[in-house]
């Protein structure tokens, strides 16, 4: 019985720690996304959602910053390509 309590406590502890890791699965190749102006709203919503994700406790700050820069640049590039100013 004691082993079962220890094992279940360890399992709960480990599963709680994994929830701190937010793997956003954002490809670093965001820049190769096409500027699909027909689906502009959907793509901008996705980019804004990804930009709004907070950094997880276990992620690398440098990688997070690089991903945020890539997402923000793609958002700007997308708006520039699909909404030209004459």
Protein backbone atom coordinates (compact mmCIF):
# COMPACT_ATOMS: atom_id res chain seq x y z
CA UNK A 1 0.00 0.00 0.00
CA UNK A 2 2.84 2.36 0.90
CA UNK A 3 4.51 1.76 -2.46
CA UNK A 4 1.25 2.57 -4.24
CA UNK A 5 0.92 5.91 -2.41
CA UNK A 6 4.53 6.82 -3.19
CA UNK A 7 4.17 5.82 -6.83
CA UNK A 8 0.90 7.71 -7.31
CA UNK A 9 2.33 10.79 -5.58
CA UNK A 10 5.36 10.68 -7.83
CA UNK A 11 3.16 10.36 -10.89
CA UNK A 12 1.05 13.35 -9.85
CA UNK A 13 4.17 15.38 -9.17
CA UNK A 14 5.74 14.56 -12.53
CA UNK A 15 2.57 15.24 -14.48
CA UNK A 16 2.29 18.62 -12.76
CA UNK A 17 5.82 19.52 -13.81
CA UNK A 18 5.15 18.66 -17.43
CA UNK A 19 2.27 21.12 -17.52
CA UNK A 20 4.79 23.92 -16.88
CA UNK A 21 6.45 23.20 -20.21
CA UNK A 22 4.57 24.95 -23.00
CA UNK A 23 5.69 23.46 -26.29
CA UNK A 24 4.10 25.87 -28.71
CA UNK A 25 5.40 23.86 -31.66
CA UNK A 26 6.09 27.02 -33.63
CA UNK A 27 8.37 26.31 -36.53
CA UNK A 28 11.36 28.59 -36.73
CA UNK A 29 10.69 28.73 -40.46
CA UNK A 30 7.67 31.01 -40.02
CA UNK A 31 9.20 33.22 -42.67
CA UNK A 32 8.39 30.67 -45.39
CA UNK A 33 4.66 30.93 -44.74
CA UNK A 34 3.02 32.22 -47.90
CA UNK A 35 1.33 35.60 -47.90
CA UNK A 36 -2.10 34.18 -48.64
CA UNK A 37 -4.13 37.38 -48.81
CA UNK A 38 -7.36 35.45 -49.43
CA UNK A 39 -7.06 34.00 -45.92
CA UNK A 40 -5.64 37.12 -44.35
CA UNK A 41 -7.89 37.24 -41.30
CA UNK A 42 -7.31 33.60 -40.38
CA UNK A 43 -3.54 33.86 -40.73
CA UNK A 44 -3.34 37.13 -38.78
CA UNK A 45 -5.48 35.62 -36.01
CA UNK A 46 -3.11 32.65 -35.78
CA UNK A 47 -0.05 34.91 -35.70
CA UNK A 48 -1.60 37.14 -33.01
CA UNK A 49 -2.54 34.08 -30.95
CA UNK A 50 1.01 32.73 -31.16
CA UNK A 51 2.50 36.13 -30.27
CA UNK A 52 0.21 36.31 -27.23
CA UNK A 53 1.41 32.99 -25.80
CA UNK A 54 3.43 33.45 -22.64
CA UNK A 55 6.85 31.92 -22.20
CA UNK A 56 6.78 28.70 -20.24
CA UNK A 57 8.91 28.28 -17.16
CA UNK A 58 11.12 25.62 -18.73
CA UNK A 59 11.70 27.17 -22.15
CA UNK A 60 14.86 28.94 -23.27
CA UNK A 61 14.54 32.74 -23.22
CA UNK A 62 16.70 33.16 -26.30
CA UNK A 63 14.64 30.73 -28.36
CA UNK A 64 11.41 32.33 -27.14
CA UNK A 65 12.65 35.81 -28.10
CA UNK A 66 13.74 34.59 -31.53
CA UNK A 67 10.33 32.98 -32.14
CA UNK A 68 8.54 36.15 -31.05
CA UNK A 69 10.65 38.28 -33.42
CA UNK A 70 9.95 35.88 -36.30
CA UNK A 71 6.22 35.91 -35.60
CA UNK A 72 6.05 39.70 -35.32
CA UNK A 73 8.10 40.16 -38.49
CA UNK A 74 5.85 37.73 -40.38
CA UNK A 75 2.77 39.60 -39.14
CA UNK A 76 4.22 42.90 -40.36
CA UNK A 77 5.31 41.36 -43.68
CA UNK A 78 1.88 39.82 -44.15
CA UNK A 79 0.08 43.11 -43.54
CA UNK A 80 2.50 44.96 -45.82
CA UNK A 81 2.08 42.49 -48.69
CA UNK A 82 -1.70 42.19 -48.46
CA UNK A 83 -2.57 45.83 -47.75
CA UNK A 84 -0.36 47.90 -50.04
CA UNK A 85 -0.40 51.67 -49.64
CA UNK A 86 -0.43 53.55 -52.91
